[in-house]
Amino acid sequence: MQRYLPLFALMTLAGSALAAPETFVIDPGHTAPRFEYSHFGYSTQIHRFDKSSGQIVLDRAARAGMVDVTIDAKSVNTGFPVFNEHIQGEDFFNTAAFPTITFKSTRVKFKGDRPVAMEGDLTIKGVTRPVTLKISHFHTMPHPMLKKDALGANAEAKVKRSDFNMGKYAPHVSDEVILSIAVEAIKE
C-alpha cells in the first residue's frame, strides 16, 4: 500500500493543477458599495457609491482567490446633491485629487470550499491601509438569464475615517465607519 501513496499524491496534485482559476467581471448594475456611520448619535446614516468595477479570480481547487475593486468616489450618493458635493470636498473624499477608492486583496481565506474573508489593501484619499472584509454570504451558480457562471457575495469591514485623513467632526460624526459591498460578477 505504501508504494502507491506517492502515485496517489501525484495524481491528486495533477488533478488540482488541472483545475484552472476562474475570472469573474464585476457587474456594476448589481454591485453596491456603501458606508454607514453614526451622525451625532441621532441616527446611522447609510450612503452608497453608484459606480464600481473590477474582477474576482476564484480558484476553488486551490482554495485561493483575488479581488480587485475600483469605486468611483465621485459617484457617492447620499440622496442629496448638495451633501454629495460636500463629502467630495478636501475634508472628506477629496475627489478632485483622488477620484477612486480601491481594494486589492492580498489573501482570500476559506472555510472548507467557501470564502469567508478577504484580506487586502484599501486605498482612500491616497492612503492605503490593510483591511479584512468578512464575507457573510457567498453563492455561485449559472446565471439564469446570461447562461454563464456567476457569483455573488456580501462583505463588510470596519475602518476609521481618521486613518484615511477624513476625520473631520469626529467624534460627533463617528470616526468608525462600516464599509459593505454587495457584489455580483459574471464569468469571463
N, C-alpha and C. Protein backbone atom coordinates (compact mmCIF):
# COMPACT_ATOMS: atom_id res chain seq x y z
N MET A 1 0.81 -1.19 0.00
CA MET A 1 0.00 0.00 0.00
C MET A 1 0.86 1.26 0.00
N GLN A 2 1.94 1.24 0.79
CA GLN A 2 2.79 2.42 0.88
C GLN A 2 3.42 2.80 -0.45
N ARG A 3 3.70 1.80 -1.30
CA ARG A 3 4.33 2.13 -2.57
C ARG A 3 3.37 2.88 -3.49
N TYR A 4 2.07 2.82 -3.23
CA TYR A 4 1.09 3.52 -4.06
C TYR A 4 0.81 4.95 -3.57
N LEU A 5 1.22 5.26 -2.35
CA LEU A 5 0.96 6.59 -1.81
C LEU A 5 1.58 7.71 -2.65
N PRO A 6 2.85 7.60 -3.08
CA PRO A 6 3.39 8.67 -3.93
C PRO A 6 2.61 8.84 -5.23
N LEU A 7 2.17 7.72 -5.81
CA LEU A 7 1.39 7.80 -7.04
C LEU A 7 0.06 8.50 -6.78
N PHE A 8 -0.60 8.18 -5.67
CA PHE A 8 -1.87 8.81 -5.31
C PHE A 8 -1.66 10.31 -5.09
N ALA A 9 -0.58 10.67 -4.39
CA ALA A 9 -0.29 12.09 -4.14
C ALA A 9 -0.04 12.83 -5.45
N LEU A 10 0.70 12.22 -6.35
CA LEU A 10 0.96 12.83 -7.64
C LEU A 10 -0.32 13.01 -8.45
N MET A 11 -1.22 12.02 -8.41
CA MET A 11 -2.48 12.12 -9.13
C MET A 11 -3.34 13.24 -8.54
N THR A 12 -3.33 13.37 -7.22
CA THR A 12 -4.10 14.43 -6.56
C THR A 12 -3.57 15.80 -6.97
N LEU A 13 -2.23 15.96 -6.97
CA LEU A 13 -1.65 17.23 -7.39
C LEU A 13 -1.94 17.52 -8.85
N ALA A 14 -1.87 16.51 -9.68
CA ALA A 14 -2.16 16.71 -11.10
C ALA A 14 -3.60 17.14 -11.29
N GLY A 15 -4.53 16.55 -10.54
CA GLY A 15 -5.94 16.94 -10.62
C GLY A 15 -6.14 18.37 -10.20
N SER A 16 -5.41 18.79 -9.15
CA SER A 16 -5.51 20.17 -8.69
C SER A 16 -4.94 21.13 -9.73
N ALA A 17 -3.87 20.71 -10.38
CA ALA A 17 -3.25 21.58 -11.38
C ALA A 17 -4.16 21.76 -12.59
N LEU A 18 -5.02 20.77 -12.85
CA LEU A 18 -5.90 20.87 -14.00
C LEU A 18 -7.05 21.86 -13.77
N ALA A 19 -7.41 22.05 -12.51
CA ALA A 19 -8.49 23.00 -12.22
C ALA A 19 -7.92 24.41 -12.33
N ALA A 20 -8.44 25.16 -13.25
CA ALA A 20 -7.91 26.49 -13.52
C ALA A 20 -8.67 27.55 -12.72
N PRO A 21 -7.97 28.63 -12.38
CA PRO A 21 -8.68 29.76 -11.76
C PRO A 21 -9.71 30.32 -12.73
N GLU A 22 -10.83 30.79 -12.19
CA GLU A 22 -11.89 31.38 -12.99
C GLU A 22 -11.94 32.88 -12.72
N THR A 23 -12.09 33.66 -13.77
CA THR A 23 -12.14 35.12 -13.64
C THR A 23 -13.58 35.59 -13.85
N PHE A 24 -14.05 36.41 -12.92
CA PHE A 24 -15.39 36.97 -12.96
C PHE A 24 -15.27 38.49 -13.01
N VAL A 25 -16.03 39.12 -13.89
CA VAL A 25 -16.03 40.57 -14.03
C VAL A 25 -17.21 41.13 -13.23
N ILE A 26 -16.93 42.13 -12.42
CA ILE A 26 -17.97 42.72 -11.57
C ILE A 26 -19.07 43.34 -12.42
N ASP A 27 -20.30 43.02 -12.06
CA ASP A 27 -21.50 43.56 -12.72
C ASP A 27 -21.85 44.87 -12.01
N PRO A 28 -21.58 46.02 -12.64
CA PRO A 28 -21.81 47.29 -11.95
C PRO A 28 -23.28 47.56 -11.64
N GLY A 29 -24.19 46.95 -12.38
CA GLY A 29 -25.60 47.16 -12.12
C GLY A 29 -26.12 46.40 -10.91
N HIS A 30 -25.34 45.43 -10.43
CA HIS A 30 -25.75 44.64 -9.28
C HIS A 30 -24.67 44.61 -8.20
N THR A 31 -23.86 45.67 -8.17
CA THR A 31 -22.81 45.79 -7.16
C THR A 31 -23.03 47.12 -6.45
N ALA A 32 -23.08 47.06 -5.12
CA ALA A 32 -23.42 48.25 -4.35
C ALA A 32 -22.47 48.46 -3.17
N PRO A 33 -21.37 49.18 -3.37
CA PRO A 33 -20.53 49.55 -2.24
C PRO A 33 -21.23 50.64 -1.43
N ARG A 34 -21.19 50.51 -0.10
CA ARG A 34 -21.83 51.54 0.73
C ARG A 34 -21.08 51.71 2.04
N PHE A 35 -21.41 52.76 2.74
CA PHE A 35 -20.77 53.03 4.04
C PHE A 35 -21.81 53.60 4.98
N GLU A 36 -21.61 53.32 6.28
CA GLU A 36 -22.54 53.84 7.28
C GLU A 36 -21.78 54.30 8.51
N TYR A 37 -22.36 55.30 9.19
CA TYR A 37 -21.71 55.91 10.33
C TYR A 37 -22.78 56.57 11.21
N SER A 38 -22.41 56.81 12.46
CA SER A 38 -23.31 57.49 13.38
C SER A 38 -23.20 59.00 13.17
N HIS A 39 -24.35 59.65 13.03
CA HIS A 39 -24.39 61.10 12.84
C HIS A 39 -24.84 61.76 14.13
N PHE A 40 -23.87 62.23 14.91
CA PHE A 40 -24.12 62.89 16.20
C PHE A 40 -24.90 62.01 17.17
N GLY A 41 -24.93 60.71 16.93
CA GLY A 41 -25.70 59.81 17.79
C GLY A 41 -27.19 59.81 17.50
N TYR A 42 -27.63 60.69 16.61
CA TYR A 42 -29.05 60.75 16.27
C TYR A 42 -29.49 59.55 15.45
N SER A 43 -28.67 59.20 14.45
CA SER A 43 -29.07 58.13 13.53
C SER A 43 -27.83 57.52 12.89
N THR A 44 -28.03 56.38 12.28
CA THR A 44 -26.99 55.76 11.46
C THR A 44 -27.28 56.13 10.02
N GLN A 45 -26.38 56.88 9.43
CA GLN A 45 -26.52 57.31 8.05
C GLN A 45 -25.93 56.24 7.13
N ILE A 46 -26.62 55.93 6.05
CA ILE A 46 -26.16 54.91 5.09
C ILE A 46 -26.14 55.55 3.70
N HIS A 47 -24.96 55.52 3.07
CA HIS A 47 -24.79 56.09 1.74
C HIS A 47 -24.11 55.07 0.84
N ARG A 48 -24.15 55.30 -0.46
CA ARG A 48 -23.59 54.33 -1.40
C ARG A 48 -22.81 55.03 -2.50
N PHE A 49 -22.12 54.20 -3.25
CA PHE A 49 -21.46 54.64 -4.48
C PHE A 49 -22.18 53.97 -5.63
N ASP A 50 -22.46 54.72 -6.69
CA ASP A 50 -23.24 54.19 -7.81
C ASP A 50 -22.40 53.56 -8.91
N LYS A 51 -21.07 53.77 -8.90
CA LYS A 51 -20.23 53.22 -9.96
C LYS A 51 -19.04 52.46 -9.38
N SER A 52 -18.90 51.22 -9.82
CA SER A 52 -17.76 50.41 -9.40
C SER A 52 -17.41 49.44 -10.52
N SER A 53 -16.20 48.93 -10.48
CA SER A 53 -15.73 47.98 -11.48
C SER A 53 -14.67 47.09 -10.85
N GLY A 54 -14.28 46.06 -11.58
CA GLY A 54 -13.22 45.20 -11.10
C GLY A 54 -13.42 43.75 -11.49
N GLN A 55 -12.63 42.91 -10.84
CA GLN A 55 -12.73 41.49 -11.14
C GLN A 55 -12.42 40.66 -9.90
N ILE A 56 -12.90 39.44 -9.97
CA ILE A 56 -12.69 38.45 -8.92
C ILE A 56 -12.14 37.21 -9.59
N VAL A 57 -11.05 36.68 -9.07
CA VAL A 57 -10.49 35.42 -9.57
C VAL A 57 -10.67 34.40 -8.47
N LEU A 58 -11.24 33.27 -8.83
CA LEU A 58 -11.54 32.23 -7.86
C LEU A 58 -10.93 30.92 -8.32
N ASP A 59 -10.12 30.33 -7.48
CA ASP A 59 -9.54 29.01 -7.74
C ASP A 59 -10.07 28.08 -6.66
N ARG A 60 -11.16 27.42 -6.96
CA ARG A 60 -11.83 26.58 -5.97
C ARG A 60 -10.96 25.42 -5.51
N ALA A 61 -10.25 24.79 -6.43
CA ALA A 61 -9.42 23.63 -6.09
C ALA A 61 -8.30 24.02 -5.13
N ALA A 62 -7.69 25.16 -5.36
CA ALA A 62 -6.59 25.61 -4.51
C ALA A 62 -7.07 26.38 -3.29
N ARG A 63 -8.38 26.63 -3.22
CA ARG A 63 -8.95 27.46 -2.15
C ARG A 63 -8.20 28.79 -2.05
N ALA A 64 -8.20 29.46 -3.19
CA ALA A 64 -7.50 30.74 -3.28
C ALA A 64 -8.32 31.68 -4.15
N GLY A 65 -7.98 32.93 -4.08
CA GLY A 65 -8.69 33.90 -4.89
C GLY A 65 -8.02 35.24 -4.87
N MET A 66 -8.57 36.15 -5.65
CA MET A 66 -8.07 37.51 -5.75
C MET A 66 -9.26 38.41 -6.06
N VAL A 67 -9.28 39.56 -5.40
CA VAL A 67 -10.35 40.54 -5.61
C VAL A 67 -9.69 41.89 -5.89
N ASP A 68 -10.17 42.57 -6.92
CA ASP A 68 -9.66 43.87 -7.29
C ASP A 68 -10.88 44.74 -7.64
N VAL A 69 -11.19 45.70 -6.77
CA VAL A 69 -12.37 46.53 -6.94
C VAL A 69 -11.96 48.00 -7.00
N THR A 70 -12.53 48.72 -7.94
CA THR A 70 -12.33 50.17 -8.03
C THR A 70 -13.69 50.84 -7.93
N ILE A 71 -13.79 51.81 -7.04
CA ILE A 71 -15.03 52.55 -6.82
C ILE A 71 -14.81 53.99 -7.28
N ASP A 72 -15.73 54.49 -8.06
CA ASP A 72 -15.71 55.88 -8.48
C ASP A 72 -16.21 56.73 -7.32
N ALA A 73 -15.28 57.40 -6.62
CA ALA A 73 -15.65 58.19 -5.44
C ALA A 73 -16.57 59.35 -5.79
N LYS A 74 -16.53 59.81 -7.03
CA LYS A 74 -17.41 60.89 -7.46
C LYS A 74 -18.86 60.42 -7.61
N SER A 75 -19.07 59.11 -7.57
CA SER A 75 -20.43 58.59 -7.70
C SER A 75 -21.11 58.42 -6.35
N VAL A 76 -20.54 59.01 -5.30
CA VAL A 76 -21.15 58.91 -3.97
C VAL A 76 -22.58 59.42 -4.04
N ASN A 77 -23.47 58.70 -3.40
CA ASN A 77 -24.88 59.03 -3.46
C ASN A 77 -25.47 59.02 -2.05
N THR A 78 -25.69 60.22 -1.52
CA THR A 78 -26.28 60.36 -0.19
C THR A 78 -27.79 60.60 -0.28
N GLY A 79 -28.25 60.82 -1.50
CA GLY A 79 -29.65 61.17 -1.71
C GLY A 79 -29.86 62.67 -1.80
N PHE A 80 -28.79 63.44 -1.55
CA PHE A 80 -28.88 64.89 -1.59
C PHE A 80 -27.68 65.45 -2.35
N PRO A 81 -27.90 66.04 -3.53
CA PRO A 81 -26.77 66.54 -4.34
C PRO A 81 -25.84 67.49 -3.59
N VAL A 82 -26.37 68.36 -2.74
CA VAL A 82 -25.53 69.31 -2.00
C VAL A 82 -24.60 68.55 -1.05
N PHE A 83 -25.13 67.52 -0.38
CA PHE A 83 -24.30 66.74 0.55
C PHE A 83 -23.30 65.89 -0.23
N ASN A 84 -23.68 65.40 -1.40
CA ASN A 84 -22.73 64.66 -2.25
C ASN A 84 -21.50 65.53 -2.52
N GLU A 85 -21.74 66.78 -2.89
CA GLU A 85 -20.64 67.71 -3.16
C GLU A 85 -19.82 67.97 -1.90
N HIS A 86 -20.50 68.13 -0.77
CA HIS A 86 -19.82 68.40 0.50
C HIS A 86 -18.82 67.29 0.84
N ILE A 87 -19.25 66.05 0.76
CA ILE A 87 -18.32 64.98 1.17
C ILE A 87 -17.33 64.61 0.08
N GLN A 88 -17.46 65.22 -1.10
CA GLN A 88 -16.42 65.06 -2.12
C GLN A 88 -15.32 66.11 -1.94
N GLY A 89 -15.51 67.03 -1.00
CA GLY A 89 -14.54 68.11 -0.76
C GLY A 89 -13.27 67.61 -0.09
N GLU A 90 -12.32 68.53 0.10
CA GLU A 90 -10.99 68.20 0.62
C GLU A 90 -11.01 67.57 2.01
N ASP A 91 -11.98 67.93 2.86
CA ASP A 91 -12.03 67.38 4.22
C ASP A 91 -12.43 65.91 4.25
N PHE A 92 -13.04 65.46 3.18
CA PHE A 92 -13.53 64.07 3.16
C PHE A 92 -12.90 63.33 1.98
N PHE A 93 -13.63 62.95 0.96
CA PHE A 93 -13.07 62.13 -0.11
C PHE A 93 -12.09 62.86 -1.03
N ASN A 94 -12.19 64.18 -1.12
CA ASN A 94 -11.31 64.97 -1.98
C ASN A 94 -11.23 64.35 -3.38
N THR A 95 -12.39 64.21 -4.00
CA THR A 95 -12.47 63.53 -5.30
C THR A 95 -11.77 64.27 -6.43
N ALA A 96 -11.50 65.57 -6.26
CA ALA A 96 -10.76 66.30 -7.29
C ALA A 96 -9.34 65.74 -7.41
N ALA A 97 -8.74 65.39 -6.30
CA ALA A 97 -7.38 64.84 -6.30
C ALA A 97 -7.36 63.31 -6.28
N PHE A 98 -8.39 62.69 -5.70
CA PHE A 98 -8.43 61.23 -5.53
C PHE A 98 -9.79 60.70 -5.99
N PRO A 99 -9.96 60.55 -7.30
CA PRO A 99 -11.28 60.20 -7.83
C PRO A 99 -11.71 58.75 -7.61
N THR A 100 -10.79 57.89 -7.16
CA THR A 100 -11.17 56.49 -6.97
C THR A 100 -10.79 55.98 -5.59
N ILE A 101 -11.51 54.95 -5.19
CA ILE A 101 -11.23 54.17 -3.99
C ILE A 101 -10.95 52.76 -4.49
N THR A 102 -9.91 52.10 -3.97
CA THR A 102 -9.60 50.75 -4.44
C THR A 102 -9.45 49.78 -3.28
N PHE A 103 -9.80 48.53 -3.57
CA PHE A 103 -9.50 47.42 -2.66
C PHE A 103 -8.84 46.35 -3.50
N LYS A 104 -7.64 45.93 -3.08
CA LYS A 104 -6.91 44.86 -3.75
C LYS A 104 -6.57 43.81 -2.71
N SER A 105 -7.10 42.62 -2.90
CA SER A 105 -6.89 41.58 -1.91
C SER A 105 -5.45 41.08 -1.95
N THR A 106 -4.99 40.66 -0.78
CA THR A 106 -3.68 40.01 -0.67
C THR A 106 -3.86 38.53 -0.31
N ARG A 107 -5.04 38.19 0.18
CA ARG A 107 -5.33 36.81 0.56
C ARG A 107 -6.83 36.65 0.73
N VAL A 108 -7.35 35.52 0.26
CA VAL A 108 -8.74 35.17 0.50
C VAL A 108 -8.74 33.95 1.40
N LYS A 109 -9.42 34.05 2.54
CA LYS A 109 -9.50 32.93 3.49
C LYS A 109 -10.72 32.09 3.19
N PHE A 110 -10.55 30.79 3.29
CA PHE A 110 -11.63 29.84 3.04
C PHE A 110 -11.93 29.05 4.29
N LYS A 111 -13.16 28.63 4.43
CA LYS A 111 -13.56 27.65 5.42
C LYS A 111 -14.21 26.54 4.61
N GLY A 112 -13.50 25.42 4.50
CA GLY A 112 -13.94 24.38 3.58
C GLY A 112 -13.79 24.90 2.16
N ASP A 113 -14.85 24.84 1.38
CA ASP A 113 -14.78 25.31 0.00
C ASP A 113 -15.42 26.69 -0.19
N ARG A 114 -15.68 27.39 0.92
CA ARG A 114 -16.37 28.69 0.85
C ARG A 114 -15.46 29.81 1.35
N PRO A 115 -15.29 30.89 0.57
CA PRO A 115 -14.52 32.03 1.07
C PRO A 115 -15.26 32.71 2.22
N VAL A 116 -14.53 33.07 3.28
CA VAL A 116 -15.15 33.69 4.45
C VAL A 116 -14.56 35.07 4.77
N ALA A 117 -13.42 35.42 4.16
CA ALA A 117 -12.82 36.73 4.41
C ALA A 117 -11.83 37.05 3.31
N MET A 118 -11.69 38.36 3.08
CA MET A 118 -10.69 38.85 2.14
C MET A 118 -9.80 39.83 2.87
N GLU A 119 -8.52 39.53 2.93
CA GLU A 119 -7.55 40.47 3.47
C GLU A 119 -6.98 41.25 2.30
N GLY A 120 -6.76 42.53 2.49
CA GLY A 120 -6.21 43.30 1.38
C GLY A 120 -5.92 44.73 1.75
N ASP A 121 -5.62 45.50 0.74
CA ASP A 121 -5.25 46.90 0.91
C ASP A 121 -6.36 47.79 0.38
N LEU A 122 -6.86 48.64 1.27
CA LEU A 122 -7.89 49.61 0.92
C LEU A 122 -7.22 50.97 0.78
N THR A 123 -7.45 51.62 -0.37
CA THR A 123 -6.87 52.94 -0.60
C THR A 123 -7.99 53.96 -0.76
N ILE A 124 -7.98 54.93 0.15
CA ILE A 124 -8.94 56.04 0.11
C ILE A 124 -8.13 57.32 0.28
N LYS A 125 -8.38 58.27 -0.57
CA LYS A 125 -7.75 59.59 -0.47
C LYS A 125 -6.22 59.47 -0.48
N GLY A 126 -5.71 58.51 -1.24
CA GLY A 126 -4.27 58.33 -1.38
C GLY A 126 -3.60 57.60 -0.23
N VAL A 127 -4.36 57.17 0.76
CA VAL A 127 -3.83 56.46 1.91
C VAL A 127 -4.23 54.99 1.80
N THR A 128 -3.26 54.10 1.97
CA THR A 128 -3.51 52.67 1.87
C THR A 128 -3.35 52.03 3.24
N ARG A 129 -4.35 51.26 3.65
CA ARG A 129 -4.34 50.55 4.94
C ARG A 129 -4.79 49.11 4.73
N PRO A 130 -4.26 48.18 5.54
CA PRO A 130 -4.75 46.81 5.46
C PRO A 130 -6.15 46.70 6.07
N VAL A 131 -7.01 45.94 5.41
CA VAL A 131 -8.40 45.78 5.85
C VAL A 131 -8.79 44.33 5.62
N THR A 132 -9.63 43.80 6.51
CA THR A 132 -10.20 42.47 6.30
C THR A 132 -11.70 42.62 6.12
N LEU A 133 -12.18 42.22 4.95
CA LEU A 133 -13.61 42.20 4.68
C LEU A 133 -14.13 40.81 5.02
N LYS A 134 -15.07 40.74 5.95
CA LYS A 134 -15.68 39.46 6.32
C LYS A 134 -16.84 39.18 5.37
N ILE A 135 -16.85 37.97 4.84
CA ILE A 135 -17.88 37.59 3.87
C ILE A 135 -19.02 36.92 4.62
N SER A 136 -20.21 37.51 4.56
CA SER A 136 -21.37 36.95 5.26
C SER A 136 -22.22 36.07 4.34
N HIS A 137 -22.05 36.25 3.04
CA HIS A 137 -22.83 35.46 2.07
C HIS A 137 -21.98 35.26 0.84
N PHE A 138 -21.99 34.05 0.29
CA PHE A 138 -21.27 33.75 -0.95
C PHE A 138 -22.05 32.68 -1.70
N HIS A 139 -22.23 32.89 -3.01
CA HIS A 139 -23.02 31.93 -3.79
C HIS A 139 -22.54 31.95 -5.24
N THR A 140 -22.38 30.77 -5.82
CA THR A 140 -22.08 30.65 -7.24
C THR A 140 -23.10 29.74 -7.89
N MET A 141 -23.42 30.05 -9.14
CA MET A 141 -24.31 29.20 -9.94
C MET A 141 -24.38 29.77 -11.35
N PRO A 142 -24.88 29.01 -12.29
CA PRO A 142 -25.09 29.58 -13.62
C PRO A 142 -26.15 30.68 -13.55
N HIS A 143 -25.86 31.80 -14.20
CA HIS A 143 -26.81 32.91 -14.23
C HIS A 143 -27.99 32.50 -15.10
N PRO A 144 -29.22 32.57 -14.58
CA PRO A 144 -30.37 32.08 -15.32
C PRO A 144 -30.68 32.85 -16.61
N MET A 145 -30.27 34.11 -16.69
CA MET A 145 -30.57 34.90 -17.89
C MET A 145 -29.37 34.96 -18.85
N LEU A 146 -28.17 35.07 -18.30
CA LEU A 146 -26.98 35.23 -19.13
C LEU A 146 -26.39 33.89 -19.59
N LYS A 147 -26.80 32.81 -18.94
CA LYS A 147 -26.32 31.47 -19.28
C LYS A 147 -24.80 31.35 -19.14
N LYS A 148 -24.26 32.06 -18.16
CA LYS A 148 -22.84 31.99 -17.80
C LYS A 148 -22.76 31.77 -16.30
N ASP A 149 -21.64 31.23 -15.85
CA ASP A 149 -21.44 31.11 -14.41
C ASP A 149 -21.36 32.51 -13.80
N ALA A 150 -21.88 32.63 -12.60
CA ALA A 150 -21.86 33.91 -11.89
C ALA A 150 -21.64 33.67 -10.41
N LEU A 151 -21.24 34.71 -9.72
CA LEU A 151 -21.10 34.61 -8.27
C LEU A 151 -21.63 35.87 -7.63
N GLY A 152 -21.98 35.75 -6.37
CA GLY A 152 -22.45 36.88 -5.59
C GLY A 152 -21.93 36.77 -4.18
N ALA A 153 -21.73 37.90 -3.53
CA ALA A 153 -21.22 37.90 -2.16
C ALA A 153 -21.61 39.19 -1.47
N ASN A 154 -21.62 39.12 -0.15
CA ASN A 154 -21.77 40.29 0.70
C ASN A 154 -20.60 40.28 1.67
N ALA A 155 -19.93 41.43 1.80
CA ALA A 155 -18.77 41.53 2.67
C ALA A 155 -18.80 42.85 3.42
N GLU A 156 -18.13 42.86 4.58
CA GLU A 156 -18.19 44.04 5.45
C GLU A 156 -16.89 44.19 6.23
N ALA A 157 -16.50 45.44 6.49
CA ALA A 157 -15.33 45.75 7.32
C ALA A 157 -15.59 47.04 8.08
N LYS A 158 -14.89 47.20 9.20
CA LYS A 158 -14.94 48.45 9.96
C LYS A 158 -13.60 49.16 9.79
N VAL A 159 -13.67 50.45 9.50
CA VAL A 159 -12.47 51.26 9.37
C VAL A 159 -12.67 52.57 10.13
N LYS A 160 -11.58 53.29 10.33
CA LYS A 160 -11.66 54.62 10.94
C LYS A 160 -11.40 55.67 9.87
N ARG A 161 -12.28 56.66 9.81
CA ARG A 161 -12.12 57.75 8.85
C ARG A 161 -10.77 58.45 9.04
N SER A 162 -10.39 58.64 10.29
CA SER A 162 -9.15 59.36 10.58
C SER A 162 -7.92 58.64 10.02
N ASP A 163 -7.98 57.31 9.85
CA ASP A 163 -6.86 56.58 9.26
C ASP A 163 -6.65 56.96 7.80
N PHE A 164 -7.66 57.56 7.18
CA PHE A 164 -7.59 57.94 5.77
C PHE A 164 -7.66 59.47 5.60
N ASN A 165 -7.25 60.20 6.64
CA ASN A 165 -7.25 61.67 6.61
C ASN A 165 -8.63 62.25 6.31
N MET A 166 -9.66 61.65 6.93
CA MET A 166 -11.04 62.10 6.72
C MET A 166 -11.77 62.26 8.06
N GLY A 167 -11.04 62.58 9.11
CA GLY A 167 -11.61 62.56 10.46
C GLY A 167 -12.35 63.80 10.91
N LYS A 168 -12.62 64.72 10.02
CA LYS A 168 -13.29 65.96 10.43
C LYS A 168 -14.62 65.66 11.13
N TYR A 169 -14.89 66.39 12.18
CA TYR A 169 -16.10 66.31 13.02
C TYR A 169 -16.14 65.09 13.93
N ALA A 170 -15.09 64.26 13.93
CA ALA A 170 -15.05 63.15 14.89
C ALA A 170 -14.79 63.75 16.27
N PRO A 171 -15.34 63.27 17.33
CA PRO A 171 -16.14 62.05 17.44
C PRO A 171 -17.64 62.27 17.25
N HIS A 172 -18.06 63.51 17.03
CA HIS A 172 -19.51 63.77 16.90
C HIS A 172 -20.11 62.99 15.73
N VAL A 173 -19.44 63.07 14.60
CA VAL A 173 -19.76 62.16 13.49
C VAL A 173 -18.76 61.03 13.66
N SER A 174 -19.24 59.82 13.84
CA SER A 174 -18.36 58.74 14.27
C SER A 174 -17.14 58.57 13.37
N ASP A 175 -16.01 58.31 14.02
CA ASP A 175 -14.79 58.02 13.30
C ASP A 175 -14.88 56.63 12.67
N GLU A 176 -15.55 55.71 13.38
CA GLU A 176 -15.70 54.35 12.87
C GLU A 176 -16.79 54.32 11.80
N VAL A 177 -16.45 53.70 10.70
CA VAL A 177 -17.36 53.58 9.56
C VAL A 177 -17.45 52.11 9.18
N ILE A 178 -18.64 51.65 8.88
CA ILE A 178 -18.80 50.29 8.37
C ILE A 178 -18.87 50.38 6.85
N LEU A 179 -17.94 49.69 6.21
CA LEU A 179 -17.94 49.58 4.75
C LEU A 179 -18.56 48.25 4.39
N SER A 180 -19.45 48.23 3.44
CA SER A 180 -20.02 46.96 3.00
C SER A 180 -20.17 46.98 1.48
N ILE A 181 -20.16 45.79 0.92
CA ILE A 181 -20.33 45.68 -0.52
C ILE A 181 -21.15 44.43 -0.83
N ALA A 182 -22.18 44.65 -1.60
CA ALA A 182 -22.94 43.56 -2.19
C ALA A 182 -22.43 43.49 -3.62
N VAL A 183 -21.88 42.35 -4.00
CA VAL A 183 -21.24 42.26 -5.32
C VAL A 183 -21.79 41.07 -6.09
N GLU A 184 -21.97 41.28 -7.38
CA GLU A 184 -22.26 40.19 -8.31
C GLU A 184 -21.27 40.29 -9.45
N ALA A 185 -20.83 39.14 -9.94
CA ALA A 185 -19.83 39.12 -11.02
C ALA A 185 -20.13 37.97 -11.96
N ILE A 186 -19.82 38.18 -13.24
CA ILE A 186 -20.11 37.22 -14.29
C ILE A 186 -18.79 36.67 -14.82
N LYS A 187 -18.77 35.35 -15.03
CA LYS A 187 -17.54 34.71 -15.53
C LYS A 187 -17.22 35.20 -16.94
N GLU A 188 -15.92 35.50 -17.14
CA GLU A 188 -15.47 35.94 -18.48
C GLU A 188 -15.64 34.84 -19.50
